[in-house]
Amino acid sequence: MSTDTVSARAGDPIRPLRYLWRVPLLLLHIVLGILLCGGILTWNRHDVMKNGREPFTHRMIRWWSTILLRIFGLRSVRVGQPLADPVMFVANHTSWIDIELLHSQRAACFVAKAEIARWPLVGWLAAAGGTIFHRRGSNHSLAAVMQVMVERLQAGRSVAVFPEGGTGHNGILRVFHARIFQAALDAGVPVQPVALRFARHGRRVVDAGFRERENFMQNFLRLLGEAPLDAEVHFLEPVPSTPDGRRRMADHARDRIAAALEDKPQ
């Protein structure tokens, strides 16, 4: 395993210079996001894909997310094709930026922890984008969240979830919780695994995600100064629907994502 696979390169003398131009661009982009959420997204948040064509609001979400990634030095790269709405996307989770990474390729309603709803500005932006908030550890909250997921899916919106139940560290892919897959079964929609992978020169960089005991702001500032990376979104083969085997669906999704995350022989 290469050094880049384990962590991002150390001893980067250009890091301070990157902040000089990235911070002003980020502030301008946030202002633009506020205007978009206060206008287009607020008025058209229930738009859905028709005949495989994305509504204007979804294209705006993808555009804004792509530019945000570029400000952080991340080039969004799609591998494979996402299914047409509605579909439940299940992805690995290592960083807060995973949401924007998937949004750069397909606008979807995410399931996120309830604490985000109370974050200044971020919570409002997330809610405007259709985020479904869940109180971790609460079975009552999970039941309510799954009902909302089913309603969104039946209405024609795609939903994206992180079945690990939290962010991982050091490139380790944790066990997928199977219960969340019931929403796709109840709504009668396919489940498509999505592997989110950061790479430099084709080699995986796991250090782009949260480090152990690193909080949101620490990760945010560290990524803002990082050297450029490729941010890959691998849309994989859907998993077979098995009403009597949610565990099997979860394991199949995890196995496909794990295989996509591995570095390929040069």
C-alpha atoms as a PDB file:
ATOM      1  CA  MET A   1       0.000   0.000   0.000  1.00  0.00           C
ATOM      2  CA  SER A   2       1.426   3.356  -1.022  1.00  0.00           C
ATOM      3  CA  THR A   3       1.959   6.331   1.272  1.00  0.00           C
ATOM      4  CA  ASP A   4      -0.778   8.232  -0.595  1.00  0.00           C
ATOM      5  CA  THR A   5      -3.208   5.395   0.126  1.00  0.00           C
ATOM      6  CA  VAL A   6      -2.626   5.711   3.843  1.00  0.00           C
ATOM      7  CA  SER A   7      -2.662   9.475   4.120  1.00  0.00           C
ATOM      8  CA  ALA A   8      -2.426  12.691   2.164  1.00  0.00           C
ATOM      9  CA  ARG A   9       1.025  14.027   1.547  1.00  0.00           C
ATOM     10  CA  ALA A  10       2.696  15.795   4.443  1.00  0.00           C
ATOM     11  CA  GLY A  11       4.995  18.806   4.384  1.00  0.00           C
ATOM     12  CA  ASP A  12       3.012  20.855   1.869  1.00  0.00           C
ATOM     13  CA  PRO A  13       4.588  24.355   1.621  1.00  0.00           C
ATOM     14  CA  ILE A  14       1.834  25.649  -0.697  1.00  0.00           C
ATOM     15  CA  ARG A  15      -0.958  25.022   1.825  1.00  0.00           C
ATOM     16  CA  PRO A  16      -0.994  28.594   3.263  1.00  0.00           C
ATOM     17  CA  LEU A  17      -1.263  30.054  -0.237  1.00  0.00           C
ATOM     18  CA  ARG A  18      -4.303  27.942  -1.049  1.00  0.00           C
ATOM     19  CA  TYR A  19      -6.241  29.515   1.820  1.00  0.00           C
ATOM     20  CA  LEU A  20      -5.593  32.982   0.349  1.00  0.00           C
ATOM     21  CA  TRP A  21      -7.765  32.340  -2.689  1.00  0.00           C
ATOM     22  CA  ARG A  22     -10.004  29.503  -1.536  1.00  0.00           C
ATOM     23  CA  VAL A  23     -11.479  31.280   1.509  1.00  0.00           C
ATOM     24  CA  PRO A  24     -12.836  34.312  -0.462  1.00  0.00           C
ATOM     25  CA  LEU A  25     -14.227  31.995  -3.149  1.00  0.00           C
ATOM     26  CA  LEU A  26     -15.885  29.848  -0.492  1.00  0.00           C
ATOM     27  CA  LEU A  27     -17.563  32.854   1.128  1.00  0.00           C
ATOM     28  CA  LEU A  28     -18.911  34.030  -2.223  1.00  0.00           C
ATOM     29  CA  HIS A  29     -20.153  30.525  -3.012  1.00  0.00           C
ATOM     30  CA  ILE A  30     -21.955  30.289   0.336  1.00  0.00           C
ATOM     31  CA  VAL A  31     -23.734  33.575  -0.386  1.00  0.00           C
ATOM     32  CA  LEU A  32     -24.769  32.162  -3.758  1.00  0.00           C
ATOM     33  CA  GLY A  33     -26.045  29.017  -2.010  1.00  0.00           C
ATOM     34  CA  ILE A  34     -28.181  31.135   0.319  1.00  0.00           C
ATOM     35  CA  LEU A  35     -29.699  32.942  -2.658  1.00  0.00           C
ATOM     36  CA  LEU A  36     -30.427  29.660  -4.434  1.00  0.00           C
ATOM     37  CA  CYS A  37     -32.026  28.107  -1.347  1.00  0.00           C
ATOM     38  CA  GLY A  38     -34.040  31.223  -0.645  1.00  0.00           C
ATOM     39  CA  GLY A  39     -35.281  31.325  -4.200  1.00  0.00           C
ATOM     40  CA  ILE A  40     -35.244  28.373  -6.564  1.00  0.00           C
ATOM     41  CA  LEU A  41     -35.082  25.522  -4.017  1.00  0.00           C
ATOM     42  CA  THR A  42     -37.696  26.986  -1.675  1.00  0.00           C
ATOM     43  CA  TRP A  43     -40.214  27.411  -4.486  1.00  0.00           C
ATOM     44  CA  ASN A  44     -39.495  24.144  -6.322  1.00  0.00           C
ATOM     45  CA  ARG A  45     -38.242  21.701  -3.681  1.00  0.00           C
ATOM     46  CA  HIS A  46     -40.841  19.065  -4.655  1.00  0.00           C
ATOM     47  CA  ASP A  47     -39.870  18.873  -8.337  1.00  0.00           C
ATOM     48  CA  VAL A  48     -39.162  15.329  -9.530  1.00  0.00           C
ATOM     49  CA  MET A  49     -37.472  13.733 -12.510  1.00  0.00           C
ATOM     50  CA  LYS A  50     -39.817  13.082 -15.453  1.00  0.00           C
ATOM     51  CA  ASN A  51     -39.027  10.687 -18.289  1.00  0.00           C
ATOM     52  CA  GLY A  52     -35.443  10.482 -17.048  1.00  0.00           C
ATOM     53  CA  ARG A  53     -34.913  14.260 -17.277  1.00  0.00           C
ATOM     54  CA  GLU A  54     -33.727  16.196 -14.250  1.00  0.00           C
ATOM     55  CA  PRO A  55     -35.688  19.264 -13.152  1.00  0.00           C
ATOM     56  CA  PHE A  56     -33.918  22.614 -13.121  1.00  0.00           C
ATOM     57  CA  THR A  57     -33.629  22.602  -9.302  1.00  0.00           C
ATOM     58  CA  HIS A  58     -31.717  19.323  -9.363  1.00  0.00           C
ATOM     59  CA  ARG A  59     -29.303  20.649 -11.961  1.00  0.00           C
ATOM     60  CA  MET A  60     -28.712  23.706  -9.786  1.00  0.00           C
ATOM     61  CA  ILE A  61     -27.918  21.483  -6.785  1.00  0.00           C
ATOM     62  CA  ARG A  62     -25.441  19.483  -8.877  1.00  0.00           C
ATOM     63  CA  TRP A  63     -23.804  22.623 -10.244  1.00  0.00           C
ATOM     64  CA  TRP A  64     -23.463  24.264  -6.805  1.00  0.00           C
ATOM     65  CA  SER A  65     -22.020  21.078  -5.283  1.00  0.00           C
ATOM     66  CA  THR A  66     -19.534  20.631  -8.136  1.00  0.00           C
ATOM     67  CA  ILE A  67     -18.221  24.176  -7.716  1.00  0.00           C
ATOM     68  CA  LEU A  68     -17.981  23.722  -3.943  1.00  0.00           C
ATOM     69  CA  LEU A  69     -15.834  20.639  -4.464  1.00  0.00           C
ATOM     70  CA  ARG A  70     -13.595  22.543  -6.884  1.00  0.00           C
ATOM     71  CA  ILE A  71     -13.044  25.281  -4.306  1.00  0.00           C
ATOM     72  CA  PHE A  72     -11.764  22.564  -1.961  1.00  0.00           C
ATOM     73  CA  GLY A  73      -9.484  21.264  -4.718  1.00  0.00           C
ATOM     74  CA  LEU A  74     -11.653  18.230  -5.427  1.00  0.00           C
ATOM     75  CA  ARG A  75     -12.428  17.192  -9.004  1.00  0.00           C
ATOM     76  CA  SER A  76     -15.681  15.240  -9.132  1.00  0.00           C
ATOM     77  CA  VAL A  77     -15.363  12.124 -11.318  1.00  0.00           C
ATOM     78  CA  ARG A  78     -18.303   9.875 -12.189  1.00  0.00           C
ATOM     79  CA  VAL A  79     -17.759   6.162 -12.784  1.00  0.00           C
ATOM     80  CA  GLY A  80     -20.788   4.227 -14.012  1.00  0.00           C
ATOM     81  CA  GLN A  81     -24.317   5.580 -14.345  1.00  0.00           C
ATOM     82  CA  PRO A  82     -26.916   6.377 -11.691  1.00  0.00           C
ATOM     83  CA  LEU A  83     -30.356   4.855 -12.117  1.00  0.00           C
ATOM     84  CA  ALA A  84     -33.236   7.168 -12.947  1.00  0.00           C
ATOM     85  CA  ASP A  85     -35.314   8.477 -10.040  1.00  0.00           C
ATOM     86  CA  PRO A  86     -36.688   7.142  -7.814  1.00  0.00           C
ATOM     87  CA  VAL A  87     -33.916   4.981  -6.349  1.00  0.00           C
ATOM     88  CA  MET A  88     -32.336   4.495  -2.940  1.00  0.00           C
ATOM     89  CA  PHE A  89     -28.594   5.159  -3.081  1.00  0.00           C
ATOM     90  CA  VAL A  90     -26.474   3.557  -0.353  1.00  0.00           C
ATOM     91  CA  ALA A  91     -22.914   4.839   0.071  1.00  0.00           C
ATOM     92  CA  ASN A  92     -19.866   4.569   2.286  1.00  0.00           C
ATOM     93  CA  HIS A  93     -19.292   7.497   4.630  1.00  0.00           C
ATOM     94  CA  THR A  94     -15.989   9.068   5.670  1.00  0.00           C
ATOM     95  CA  SER A  95     -16.552  12.833   5.607  1.00  0.00           C
ATOM     96  CA  TRP A  96     -19.122  15.616   5.698  1.00  0.00           C
ATOM     97  CA  ILE A  97     -18.239  16.345   2.083  1.00  0.00           C
ATOM     98  CA  ASP A  98     -19.622  12.965   0.964  1.00  0.00           C
ATOM     99  CA  ILE A  99     -23.066  14.568   0.671  1.00  0.00           C
ATOM    100  CA  GLU A 100     -21.805  17.238  -1.716  1.00  0.00           C
ATOM    101  CA  LEU A 101     -19.821  14.638  -3.625  1.00  0.00           C
ATOM    102  CA  LEU A 102     -22.895  12.547  -4.377  1.00  0.00           C
ATOM    103  CA  HIS A 103     -24.932  15.710  -4.989  1.00  0.00           C
ATOM    104  CA  SER A 104     -22.436  16.708  -7.674  1.00  0.00           C
ATOM    105  CA  GLN A 105     -23.723  13.752  -9.709  1.00  0.00           C
ATOM    106  CA  ARG A 106     -27.328  13.314  -8.582  1.00  0.00           C
ATOM    107  CA  ALA A 107     -29.618  15.437  -6.421  1.00  0.00           C
ATOM    108  CA  ALA A 108     -31.163  13.244  -3.710  1.00  0.00           C
ATOM    109  CA  CYS A 109     -32.760  13.563  -0.291  1.00  0.00           C
ATOM    110  CA  PHE A 110     -30.191  12.577   2.324  1.00  0.00           C
ATOM    111  CA  VAL A 111     -30.772  11.079   5.750  1.00  0.00           C
ATOM    112  CA  ALA A 112     -28.548  12.937   8.233  1.00  0.00           C
ATOM    113  CA  LYS A 113     -28.150  13.222  11.987  1.00  0.00           C
ATOM    114  CA  ALA A 114     -30.582  15.584  13.702  1.00  0.00           C
ATOM    115  CA  GLU A 115     -27.762  17.732  15.137  1.00  0.00           C
ATOM    116  CA  ILE A 116     -27.113  19.166  11.675  1.00  0.00           C
ATOM    117  CA  ALA A 117     -30.552  20.783  11.669  1.00  0.00           C
ATOM    118  CA  ARG A 118     -29.399  23.038  14.541  1.00  0.00           C
ATOM    119  CA  TRP A 119     -26.140  24.125  12.893  1.00  0.00           C
ATOM    120  CA  PRO A 120     -26.223  27.820  11.888  1.00  0.00           C
ATOM    121  CA  LEU A 121     -26.844  28.233   8.149  1.00  0.00           C
ATOM    122  CA  VAL A 122     -25.795  24.625   7.366  1.00  0.00           C
ATOM    123  CA  GLY A 123     -28.986  23.250   8.908  1.00  0.00           C
ATOM    124  CA  TRP A 124     -31.145  25.613   6.852  1.00  0.00           C
ATOM    125  CA  LEU A 125     -29.269  24.791   3.640  1.00  0.00           C
ATOM    126  CA  ALA A 126     -29.623  21.064   4.332  1.00  0.00           C
ATOM    127  CA  ALA A 127     -33.341  21.350   5.033  1.00  0.00           C
ATOM    128  CA  ALA A 128     -33.863  23.375   1.852  1.00  0.00           C
ATOM    129  CA  GLY A 129     -32.178  20.567  -0.077  1.00  0.00           C
ATOM    130  CA  GLY A 130     -34.650  17.997   1.259  1.00  0.00           C
ATOM    131  CA  THR A 131     -32.548  16.427   4.027  1.00  0.00           C
ATOM    132  CA  ILE A 132     -34.393  14.022   6.342  1.00  0.00           C
ATOM    133  CA  PHE A 133     -33.113  14.387   9.900  1.00  0.00           C
ATOM    134  CA  HIS A 134     -32.725  11.413  12.245  1.00  0.00           C
ATOM    135  CA  ARG A 135     -32.000  11.268  15.995  1.00  0.00           C
ATOM    136  CA  ARG A 136     -29.422   8.530  16.355  1.00  0.00           C
ATOM    137  CA  GLY A 137     -30.250   5.827  18.883  1.00  0.00           C
ATOM    138  CA  SER A 138     -33.994   6.558  18.757  1.00  0.00           C
ATOM    139  CA  ASN A 139     -36.151   3.769  17.330  1.00  0.00           C
ATOM    140  CA  HIS A 140     -39.130   6.118  17.206  1.00  0.00           C
ATOM    141  CA  SER A 141     -37.123   8.609  15.144  1.00  0.00           C
ATOM    142  CA  LEU A 142     -35.919   5.864  12.793  1.00  0.00           C
ATOM    143  CA  ALA A 143     -39.475   4.648  12.198  1.00  0.00           C
ATOM    144  CA  ALA A 144     -40.568   8.202  11.375  1.00  0.00           C
ATOM    145  CA  VAL A 145     -37.560   8.732   9.107  1.00  0.00           C
ATOM    146  CA  MET A 146     -38.239   5.520   7.204  1.00  0.00           C
ATOM    147  CA  GLN A 147     -41.858   6.565   6.679  1.00  0.00           C
ATOM    148  CA  VAL A 148     -40.691   9.880   5.210  1.00  0.00           C
ATOM    149  CA  MET A 149     -38.194   8.007   3.024  1.00  0.00           C
ATOM    150  CA  VAL A 150     -40.974   5.805   1.652  1.00  0.00           C
ATOM    151  CA  GLU A 151     -43.147   8.856   0.970  1.00  0.00           C
ATOM    152  CA  ARG A 152     -40.326  10.661  -0.860  1.00  0.00           C
ATOM    153  CA  LEU A 153     -39.506   7.576  -2.929  1.00  0.00           C
ATOM    154  CA  GLN A 154     -43.145   6.973  -3.845  1.00  0.00           C
ATOM    155  CA  ALA A 155     -43.428  10.634  -4.849  1.00  0.00           C
ATOM    156  CA  GLY A 156     -40.569  10.167  -7.330  1.00  0.00           C
ATOM    157  CA  ARG A 157     -37.586  11.537  -5.359  1.00  0.00           C
ATOM    158  CA  SER A 158     -34.408   9.555  -4.823  1.00  0.00           C
ATOM    159  CA  VAL A 159     -33.078   9.110  -1.287  1.00  0.00           C
ATOM    160  CA  ALA A 160     -29.439   8.604  -0.277  1.00  0.00           C
ATOM    161  CA  VAL A 161     -28.349   6.928   2.955  1.00  0.00           C
ATOM    162  CA  PHE A 162     -25.117   5.965   4.704  1.00  0.00           C
ATOM    163  CA  PRO A 163     -25.933   2.503   6.117  1.00  0.00           C
ATOM    164  CA  GLU A 164     -22.780   2.413   8.273  1.00  0.00           C
ATOM    165  CA  GLY A 165     -24.676   4.706  10.648  1.00  0.00           C
ATOM    166  CA  GLY A 166     -21.771   7.158  10.970  1.00  0.00           C
ATOM    167  CA  THR A 167     -18.416   8.130   9.513  1.00  0.00           C
ATOM    168  CA  GLY A 168     -15.566   5.628   9.367  1.00  0.00           C
ATOM    169  CA  HIS A 169     -11.843   6.240   9.811  1.00  0.00           C
ATOM    170  CA  ASN A 170      -8.626   5.050   8.164  1.00  0.00           C
ATOM    171  CA  GLY A 171     -10.426   3.644   5.128  1.00  0.00           C
ATOM    172  CA  ILE A 172     -12.254   0.964   7.136  1.00  0.00           C
ATOM    173  CA  LEU A 173     -15.705   0.095   5.770  1.00  0.00           C
ATOM    174  CA  ARG A 174     -17.990  -0.784   8.664  1.00  0.00           C
ATOM    175  CA  VAL A 175     -20.947  -3.156   8.773  1.00  0.00           C
ATOM    176  CA  PHE A 176     -24.077  -1.890   7.005  1.00  0.00           C
ATOM    177  CA  HIS A 177     -27.280  -1.666   9.042  1.00  0.00           C
ATOM    178  CA  ALA A 178     -29.928  -3.733   7.264  1.00  0.00           C
ATOM    179  CA  ARG A 179     -33.124  -2.148   8.582  1.00  0.00           C
ATOM    180  CA  ILE A 180     -32.754   0.982   6.467  1.00  0.00           C
ATOM    181  CA  PHE A 181     -33.144  -1.162   3.310  1.00  0.00           C
ATOM    182  CA  GLN A 182     -36.777  -1.814   4.241  1.00  0.00           C
ATOM    183  CA  ALA A 183     -37.719   1.650   2.971  1.00  0.00           C
ATOM    184  CA  ALA A 184     -36.727   0.675  -0.573  1.00  0.00           C
ATOM    185  CA  LEU A 185     -38.702  -2.563  -0.304  1.00  0.00           C
ATOM    186  CA  ASP A 186     -41.792  -0.765   0.990  1.00  0.00           C
ATOM    187  CA  ALA A 187     -41.567   1.854  -1.772  1.00  0.00           C
ATOM    188  CA  GLY A 188     -40.819  -0.724  -4.466  1.00  0.00           C
ATOM    189  CA  VAL A 189     -37.699   1.034  -5.764  1.00  0.00           C
ATOM    190  CA  PRO A 190     -34.217  -0.339  -6.597  1.00  0.00           C
ATOM    191  CA  VAL A 191     -31.178  -0.037  -4.331  1.00  0.00           C
ATOM    192  CA  GLN A 192     -27.974   1.168  -6.005  1.00  0.00           C
ATOM    193  CA  PRO A 193     -24.659   1.036  -4.097  1.00  0.00           C
ATOM    194  CA  VAL A 194     -22.386   4.059  -4.539  1.00  0.00           C
ATOM    195  CA  ALA A 195     -18.682   4.004  -3.667  1.00  0.00           C
ATOM    196  CA  LEU A 196     -17.231   7.405  -2.713  1.00  0.00           C
ATOM    197  CA  ARG A 197     -13.481   7.369  -3.161  1.00  0.00           C
ATOM    198  CA  PHE A 198     -10.780  10.063  -2.933  1.00  0.00           C
ATOM    199  CA  ALA A 199      -7.673   9.481  -5.005  1.00  0.00           C
ATOM    200  CA  ARG A 200      -4.454  11.056  -6.230  1.00  0.00           C
ATOM    201  CA  HIS A 201      -2.776   9.665  -9.350  1.00  0.00           C
ATOM    202  CA  GLY A 202      -5.172   6.711  -9.215  1.00  0.00           C
ATOM    203  CA  ARG A 203      -4.223   5.709  -5.654  1.00  0.00           C
ATOM    204  CA  ARG A 204      -6.795   5.937  -2.885  1.00  0.00           C
ATOM    205  CA  VAL A 205      -6.296   8.651  -0.246  1.00  0.00           C
ATOM    206  CA  VAL A 206      -8.159   7.707   2.934  1.00  0.00           C
ATOM    207  CA  ASP A 207      -6.916  10.781   4.814  1.00  0.00           C
ATOM    208  CA  ALA A 208      -9.436  13.001   3.024  1.00  0.00           C
ATOM    209  CA  GLY A 209     -12.100  11.731   5.422  1.00  0.00           C
ATOM    210  CA  PHE A 210     -12.371  12.342   9.140  1.00  0.00           C
ATOM    211  CA  ARG A 211      -9.335  11.419  11.172  1.00  0.00           C
ATOM    212  CA  GLU A 212      -9.938   9.753  14.503  1.00  0.00           C
ATOM    213  CA  ARG A 213     -11.160  12.338  17.070  1.00  0.00           C
ATOM    214  CA  GLU A 214     -11.235  15.050  14.379  1.00  0.00           C
ATOM    215  CA  ASN A 215     -14.321  17.267  14.512  1.00  0.00           C
ATOM    216  CA  PHE A 216     -16.216  18.900  11.654  1.00  0.00           C
ATOM    217  CA  MET A 217     -14.415  22.258  11.756  1.00  0.00           C
ATOM    218  CA  GLN A 218     -10.960  20.669  11.971  1.00  0.00           C
ATOM    219  CA  ASN A 219     -11.712  18.491   8.955  1.00  0.00           C
ATOM    220  CA  PHE A 220     -13.281  21.414   7.085  1.00  0.00           C
ATOM    221  CA  LEU A 221     -10.211  23.632   7.508  1.00  0.00           C
ATOM    222  CA  ARG A 222      -7.774  20.824   6.739  1.00  0.00           C
ATOM    223  CA  LEU A 223      -9.555  19.899   3.503  1.00  0.00           C
ATOM    224  CA  LEU A 224      -9.742  23.555   2.470  1.00  0.00           C
ATOM    225  CA  GLY A 225      -5.943  23.674   2.340  1.00  0.00           C
ATOM    226  CA  GLU A 226      -5.311  20.258   0.791  1.00  0.00           C
ATOM    227  CA  ALA A 227      -3.586  19.676  -2.535  1.00  0.00           C
ATOM    228  CA  PRO A 228      -5.932  18.717  -5.396  1.00  0.00           C
ATOM    229  CA  LEU A 229      -7.581  15.303  -5.320  1.00  0.00           C
ATOM    230  CA  ASP A 230      -9.947  13.333  -7.514  1.00  0.00           C
ATOM    231  CA  ALA A 231     -13.301  12.734  -5.808  1.00  0.00           C
ATOM    232  CA  GLU A 232     -14.739   9.628  -7.456  1.00  0.00           C
ATOM    233  CA  VAL A 233     -18.410   8.623  -7.406  1.00  0.00           C
ATOM    234  CA  HIS A 234     -18.774   4.979  -8.463  1.00  0.00           C
ATOM    235  CA  PHE A 235     -22.366   4.037  -9.352  1.00  0.00           C
ATOM    236  CA  LEU A 236     -22.455   0.244  -9.055  1.00  0.00           C
ATOM    237  CA  GLU A 237     -24.814  -2.538 -10.080  1.00  0.00           C
ATOM    238  CA  PRO A 238     -28.108  -2.501  -8.117  1.00  0.00           C
ATOM    239  CA  VAL A 239     -28.501  -5.165  -5.459  1.00  0.00           C
ATOM    240  CA  PRO A 240     -31.268  -7.773  -5.896  1.00  0.00           C
ATOM    241  CA  SER A 241     -34.408  -7.043  -3.872  1.00  0.00           C
ATOM    242  CA  THR A 242     -35.075  -9.799  -1.358  1.00  0.00           C
ATOM    243  CA  PRO A 243     -38.030  -8.991   0.940  1.00  0.00           C
ATOM    244  CA  ASP A 244     -37.059 -11.833   3.286  1.00  0.00           C
ATOM    245  CA  GLY A 245     -33.362 -10.904   3.336  1.00  0.00           C
ATOM    246  CA  ARG A 246     -32.564  -7.276   4.150  1.00  0.00           C
ATOM    247  CA  ARG A 247     -29.319  -8.508   5.682  1.00  0.00           C
ATOM    248  CA  ARG A 248     -28.400 -10.104   2.366  1.00  0.00           C
ATOM    249  CA  MET A 249     -29.120  -6.843   0.521  1.00  0.00           C
ATOM    250  CA  ALA A 250     -26.970  -4.890   2.984  1.00  0.00           C
ATOM    251  CA  ASP A 251     -24.090  -7.351   2.645  1.00  0.00           C
ATOM    252  CA  HIS A 252     -24.271  -7.334  -1.162  1.00  0.00           C
ATOM    253  CA  ALA A 253     -24.190  -3.526  -1.206  1.00  0.00           C
ATOM    254  CA  ARG A 254     -21.241  -3.438   1.190  1.00  0.00           C
ATOM    255  CA  ASP A 255     -19.292  -6.037  -0.812  1.00  0.00           C
ATOM    256  CA  ARG A 256     -19.711  -4.099  -4.059  1.00  0.00           C
ATOM    257  CA  ILE A 257     -18.654  -0.834  -2.458  1.00  0.00           C
ATOM    258  CA  ALA A 258     -15.636  -2.500  -0.802  1.00  0.00           C
ATOM    259  CA  ALA A 259     -14.487  -3.874  -4.169  1.00  0.00           C
ATOM    260  CA  ALA A 260     -14.826  -0.453  -5.850  1.00  0.00           C
ATOM    261  CA  LEU A 261     -12.780   1.245  -3.106  1.00  0.00           C
ATOM    262  CA  GLU A 262      -9.763  -0.991  -3.663  1.00  0.00           C
ATOM    263  CA  ASP A 263      -6.811   0.293  -5.674  1.00  0.00           C
ATOM    264  CA  LYS A 264      -6.586  -1.423  -9.043  1.00  0.00           C
ATOM    265  CA  PRO A 265      -3.248  -2.872 -10.262  1.00  0.00           C
ATOM    266  CA  GLN A 266      -1.263  -0.324 -12.277  1.00  0.00           C
END
